[in-house]
């Protein structure tokens, strides 16, 4: 994650942070009038911006998404303690797409091909779920909205928007940004770009954190008891059973139980 610090010495990267934040907030604020959960989240077509800006502006998009979401909450009348978890979740939402893309491919994301489009959906899903788990964990811990409601809602809202609008907008914007020399790889020196220590292990950590966090958070939030056992019938008459008591966790609340997975998310981000 070194480049999220070293980028601040580049004037153009700072400008791109401000540009991403302003654009994100400007599109977020009008849609505050169409809430999905009043005061918490709303219909968000702006959710495509952190993903496509990440692929163009790299670490500037991570900071811009975080600040833009906070500005949107402040000016849209939905600010509160939850806004700071929203800020962190949106930082991940703008950080993971470009970092994951660099692990999966050495080529530009466009022009689209079947392989590039598949990778785009993969990095969008990873970023969407990381944002959803981070925000939903925080807001459930604060007692604002149960995890099982907010987690799937944020994840779906993010991924559907990025999947529908990103493939349309990126081919229009990316060539122009590249022609103007504003891609983060053109602005920043190579020595200031972090290559990642264990990127493939980081991917395993990240997917384990987001999928495990989402599933475990929903299960605990729904109040499923430890006495419940899930049984899978296998060919040949064999059975495989899983009791929730077999799942390691620190407590019975979402806040405490998901802490190890939130920690794994951070470790994966550091290694990516």
Protein backbone atom coordinates (compact mmCIF):
# COMPACT_ATOMS: atom_id res chain seq x y z
CA UNK A 1 0.00 0.00 0.00
CA UNK A 2 3.02 2.29 -0.19
CA UNK A 3 1.68 4.23 -3.15
CA UNK A 4 -1.32 5.51 -1.15
CA UNK A 5 1.26 7.53 0.79
CA UNK A 6 3.86 8.33 -1.88
CA UNK A 7 1.17 9.62 -4.27
CA UNK A 8 0.77 12.75 -2.14
CA UNK A 9 4.08 14.15 -3.38
CA UNK A 10 2.68 14.35 -6.94
CA UNK A 11 0.63 17.48 -7.60
CA UNK A 12 -1.35 15.83 -10.38
CA UNK A 13 -2.29 12.91 -8.12
CA UNK A 14 -3.56 15.33 -5.48
CA UNK A 15 -5.64 17.02 -8.20
CA UNK A 16 -7.02 13.62 -9.21
CA UNK A 17 -8.01 12.96 -5.58
CA UNK A 18 -9.95 16.23 -5.57
CA UNK A 19 -11.47 15.48 -8.99
CA UNK A 20 -12.62 11.99 -7.95
CA UNK A 21 -14.01 13.24 -4.64
CA UNK A 22 -15.89 16.14 -6.24
CA UNK A 23 -17.33 13.99 -9.04
CA UNK A 24 -18.35 11.21 -6.65
CA UNK A 25 -20.03 13.60 -4.22
CA UNK A 26 -21.74 15.52 -7.03
CA UNK A 27 -23.40 12.35 -8.34
CA UNK A 28 -24.15 10.94 -4.87
CA UNK A 29 -25.96 13.96 -3.43
CA UNK A 30 -28.97 14.19 -5.81
CA UNK A 31 -29.77 10.52 -5.25
CA UNK A 32 -30.00 11.02 -1.47
CA UNK A 33 -33.65 11.77 -2.34
CA UNK A 34 -34.10 8.09 -3.35
CA UNK A 35 -33.19 6.24 -0.13
CA UNK A 36 -33.13 2.47 0.13
CA UNK A 37 -32.60 2.73 3.89
CA UNK A 38 -33.38 6.31 5.00
CA UNK A 39 -30.33 8.07 6.41
CA UNK A 40 -28.06 5.10 5.63
CA UNK A 41 -27.93 4.30 1.92
CA UNK A 42 -29.75 5.11 -1.28
CA UNK A 43 -29.91 4.30 -4.97
CA UNK A 44 -26.31 4.96 -6.03
CA UNK A 45 -25.47 5.09 -9.74
CA UNK A 46 -22.35 6.95 -8.59
CA UNK A 47 -21.00 3.60 -7.37
CA UNK A 48 -19.48 3.00 -10.77
CA UNK A 49 -17.06 5.90 -10.26
CA UNK A 50 -14.72 4.41 -7.62
CA UNK A 51 -14.17 1.32 -9.79
CA UNK A 52 -13.47 3.03 -13.10
CA UNK A 53 -11.53 5.86 -11.46
CA UNK A 54 -9.45 3.24 -9.63
CA UNK A 55 -8.43 1.65 -12.92
CA UNK A 56 -7.43 5.08 -14.26
CA UNK A 57 -6.18 7.02 -11.24
CA UNK A 58 -5.02 4.22 -8.92
CA UNK A 59 -4.44 5.34 -5.31
CA UNK A 60 -5.91 8.77 -6.02
CA UNK A 61 -9.27 7.07 -6.58
CA UNK A 62 -9.05 5.32 -3.20
CA UNK A 63 -8.63 8.62 -1.36
CA UNK A 64 -11.07 10.41 -3.66
CA UNK A 65 -13.77 7.79 -3.08
CA UNK A 66 -13.29 7.99 0.69
CA UNK A 67 -13.44 11.79 0.79
CA UNK A 68 -16.21 11.96 -1.81
CA UNK A 69 -18.45 9.64 0.19
CA UNK A 70 -17.86 11.68 3.35
CA UNK A 71 -18.62 14.93 1.51
CA UNK A 72 -21.75 13.34 0.07
CA UNK A 73 -22.92 12.42 3.57
CA UNK A 74 -22.13 15.86 4.98
CA UNK A 75 -23.83 17.81 2.21
CA UNK A 76 -26.61 15.28 1.72
CA UNK A 77 -27.74 15.36 5.34
CA UNK A 78 -26.85 11.74 6.18
CA UNK A 79 -23.64 12.28 8.17
CA UNK A 80 -22.97 10.62 11.49
CA UNK A 81 -20.64 8.12 13.14
CA UNK A 82 -21.47 5.63 10.40
CA UNK A 83 -19.99 8.02 7.82
CA UNK A 84 -16.49 7.15 9.02
CA UNK A 85 -17.06 3.45 8.39
CA UNK A 86 -18.50 4.53 5.04
CA UNK A 87 -15.33 6.46 4.37
CA UNK A 88 -13.16 3.41 5.08
CA UNK A 89 -15.41 1.10 3.07
CA UNK A 90 -15.27 3.43 0.09
CA UNK A 91 -11.49 3.67 0.43
CA UNK A 92 -11.37 -0.11 -0.11
CA UNK A 93 -13.88 0.26 -2.94
CA UNK A 94 -11.52 2.61 -4.77
CA UNK A 95 -8.34 0.77 -3.77
CA UNK A 96 -8.93 -2.88 -4.63
CA UNK A 97 -9.90 -2.62 -8.32
CA UNK A 98 -6.57 -1.28 -9.61
CA UNK A 99 -4.49 -3.34 -7.19
CA UNK A 100 -6.33 -6.57 -8.03
CA UNK A 101 -6.17 -5.77 -11.75
CA UNK A 102 -2.38 -5.43 -11.58
CA UNK A 103 -2.20 -8.93 -10.09
CA UNK A 104 -4.50 -10.48 -12.66
CA UNK A 105 -3.25 -8.68 -15.78
CA UNK A 106 -0.35 -6.62 -17.09
CA UNK A 107 -2.46 -5.08 -19.88
CA UNK A 108 -4.79 -2.10 -19.97
CA UNK A 109 -8.42 -2.91 -19.14
CA UNK A 110 -9.65 -1.77 -22.53
CA UNK A 111 -10.35 -2.42 -25.37
CA UNK A 112 -12.73 -5.00 -23.98
CA UNK A 113 -12.26 -8.69 -24.66
CA UNK A 114 -13.92 -11.64 -22.98
CA UNK A 115 -10.92 -12.09 -20.69
CA UNK A 116 -10.61 -8.42 -19.77
CA UNK A 117 -14.33 -8.14 -19.12
CA UNK A 118 -14.23 -11.21 -16.88
CA UNK A 119 -11.34 -9.71 -14.90
CA UNK A 120 -13.23 -6.44 -14.62
CA UNK A 121 -16.20 -8.25 -13.06
CA UNK A 122 -13.88 -10.11 -10.67
CA UNK A 123 -12.15 -6.99 -9.36
CA UNK A 124 -15.49 -5.16 -9.16
CA UNK A 125 -16.99 -7.97 -7.10
CA UNK A 126 -14.00 -8.08 -4.75
CA UNK A 127 -14.14 -4.31 -4.19
CA UNK A 128 -17.93 -4.34 -3.81
CA UNK A 129 -17.90 -7.05 -1.14
CA UNK A 130 -14.97 -5.49 0.73
CA UNK A 131 -16.88 -2.20 0.90
CA UNK A 132 -20.07 -3.98 1.97
CA UNK A 133 -18.46 -6.06 4.73
CA UNK A 134 -16.49 -3.11 6.13
CA UNK A 135 -19.45 -0.71 6.27
CA UNK A 136 -22.02 -3.27 7.43
CA UNK A 137 -19.72 -4.53 10.19
CA UNK A 138 -19.28 -0.99 11.48
CA UNK A 139 -22.94 0.04 11.29
CA UNK A 140 -24.13 -3.21 12.89
CA UNK A 141 -21.61 -2.69 15.69
CA UNK A 142 -22.97 0.85 16.19
CA UNK A 143 -26.49 -0.58 16.32
CA UNK A 144 -27.72 1.35 13.27
CA UNK A 145 -28.69 -1.37 10.75
CA UNK A 146 -28.46 -5.18 11.06
CA UNK A 147 -25.67 -6.75 9.02
CA UNK A 148 -27.98 -9.18 7.23
CA UNK A 149 -29.91 -6.26 5.72
CA UNK A 150 -27.12 -3.83 4.91
CA UNK A 151 -24.36 -6.23 3.80
CA UNK A 152 -26.17 -7.84 0.84
CA UNK A 153 -27.77 -4.49 -0.07
CA UNK A 154 -24.46 -2.59 -0.32
CA UNK A 155 -22.70 -5.46 -2.07
CA UNK A 156 -25.46 -5.85 -4.65
CA UNK A 157 -25.87 -2.09 -5.13
CA UNK A 158 -22.15 -1.67 -5.74
CA UNK A 159 -21.62 -4.66 -8.01
CA UNK A 160 -24.69 -4.24 -10.21
CA UNK A 161 -23.96 -0.56 -10.80
CA UNK A 162 -20.28 -1.16 -11.58
CA UNK A 163 -21.13 -4.12 -13.84
CA UNK A 164 -23.78 -2.29 -15.85
CA UNK A 165 -22.22 1.16 -16.21
CA UNK A 166 -18.48 0.43 -16.06
CA UNK A 167 -18.24 -1.47 -19.36
CA UNK A 168 -20.01 1.46 -21.04
CA UNK A 169 -18.09 4.34 -19.48
CA UNK A 170 -14.54 2.99 -19.27
CA UNK A 171 -13.99 2.65 -23.07
CA UNK A 172 -15.05 6.30 -23.42
CA UNK A 173 -12.95 7.73 -20.58
CA UNK A 174 -9.85 5.53 -20.42
CA UNK A 175 -8.37 6.39 -23.86
CA UNK A 176 -8.77 10.10 -23.19
CA UNK A 177 -7.20 9.89 -19.74
CA UNK A 178 -4.33 7.89 -21.23
CA UNK A 179 -3.88 10.39 -24.06
CA UNK A 180 -3.71 13.24 -21.53
CA UNK A 181 -1.04 11.38 -19.51
CA UNK A 182 -3.19 11.17 -16.39
CA UNK A 183 -3.09 7.43 -15.75
CA UNK A 184 -1.54 6.86 -12.35
CA UNK A 185 1.21 4.74 -13.94
CA UNK A 186 2.15 7.72 -16.11
CA UNK A 187 2.06 10.26 -13.29
CA UNK A 188 3.94 8.32 -10.60
CA UNK A 189 7.52 7.09 -10.77
CA UNK A 190 8.03 3.34 -10.86
CA UNK A 191 9.85 3.29 -7.52
CA UNK A 192 6.80 4.85 -5.86
CA UNK A 193 4.45 2.13 -7.09
CA UNK A 194 4.13 -0.78 -4.70
CA UNK A 195 4.46 -4.15 -6.41
CA UNK A 196 3.03 -6.19 -3.56
CA UNK A 197 4.92 -8.80 -1.54
CA UNK A 198 2.62 -11.81 -1.93
CA UNK A 199 -0.14 -10.76 -4.33
CA UNK A 200 -1.60 -14.21 -4.95
CA UNK A 201 -1.67 -15.07 -1.25
CA UNK A 202 -3.22 -11.64 -0.71
CA UNK A 203 -6.04 -12.56 -3.09
CA UNK A 204 -6.75 -15.70 -1.07
CA UNK A 205 -6.82 -13.66 2.13
CA UNK A 206 -9.09 -11.03 0.59
CA UNK A 207 -11.61 -13.45 -0.89
CA UNK A 208 -11.64 -15.43 2.35
CA UNK A 209 -12.23 -12.22 4.31
CA UNK A 210 -15.03 -10.82 2.14
CA UNK A 211 -16.89 -14.06 1.47
CA UNK A 212 -16.40 -15.38 4.99
CA UNK A 213 -17.29 -12.00 6.46
CA UNK A 214 -20.44 -11.68 4.40
CA UNK A 215 -21.70 -15.20 5.13
CA UNK A 216 -20.77 -15.25 8.82
CA UNK A 217 -22.11 -11.73 9.33
CA UNK A 218 -25.48 -12.65 7.82
CA UNK A 219 -25.72 -15.88 9.83
CA UNK A 220 -24.96 -14.18 13.15
CA UNK A 221 -27.08 -11.13 12.36
CA UNK A 222 -30.07 -13.37 11.63
CA UNK A 223 -29.67 -14.93 15.06
CA UNK A 224 -29.13 -18.46 13.81
CA UNK A 225 -28.38 -20.56 16.89
CA UNK A 226 -25.47 -22.91 17.37
CA UNK A 227 -27.85 -25.86 17.62
CA UNK A 228 -28.65 -25.58 13.93
CA UNK A 229 -26.85 -28.05 11.71
CA UNK A 230 -26.71 -28.08 7.92
CA UNK A 231 -26.51 -31.49 6.25
CA UNK A 232 -25.41 -32.24 2.69
CA UNK A 233 -26.31 -35.62 1.19
CA UNK A 234 -23.42 -36.97 -0.86
CA UNK A 235 -23.42 -39.72 -3.52
CA UNK A 236 -23.28 -43.24 -2.14
CA UNK A 237 -25.40 -42.47 0.88
CA UNK A 238 -22.70 -40.44 2.65
CA UNK A 239 -23.56 -37.33 4.62
CA UNK A 240 -21.62 -34.17 5.44
CA UNK A 241 -22.84 -32.01 8.30
CA UNK A 242 -21.79 -28.59 9.51
CA UNK A 243 -22.87 -27.14 12.83
CA UNK A 244 -22.47 -23.44 13.45
CA UNK A 245 -20.61 -24.38 16.60
CA UNK A 246 -17.82 -25.63 14.29
CA UNK A 247 -17.27 -22.11 12.94
CA UNK A 248 -14.56 -20.33 14.96
CA UNK A 249 -15.57 -16.91 16.22
CA UNK A 250 -14.83 -14.67 19.18
CA UNK A 251 -18.34 -13.92 20.31
CA UNK A 252 -21.99 -13.96 19.48
CA UNK A 253 -22.21 -10.44 17.99
CA UNK A 254 -21.31 -9.39 14.47
CA UNK A 255 -18.88 -6.80 15.83
CA UNK A 256 -16.68 -9.23 17.75
CA UNK A 257 -17.12 -12.28 15.53
CA UNK A 258 -16.01 -10.52 12.35
CA UNK A 259 -12.96 -8.83 13.85
CA UNK A 260 -10.54 -11.59 12.71
CA UNK A 261 -11.93 -11.38 9.17
CA UNK A 262 -11.68 -7.58 9.14
CA UNK A 263 -8.08 -8.05 10.25
CA UNK A 264 -7.54 -10.55 7.42
CA UNK A 265 -8.95 -7.97 5.00
CA UNK A 266 -6.38 -5.43 6.15
CA UNK A 267 -3.53 -7.97 5.94
CA UNK A 268 -4.61 -8.90 2.41
CA UNK A 269 -4.63 -5.22 1.43
CA UNK A 270 -1.12 -4.77 2.80
CA UNK A 271 0.19 -7.79 0.88
CA UNK A 272 -1.63 -7.08 -2.39
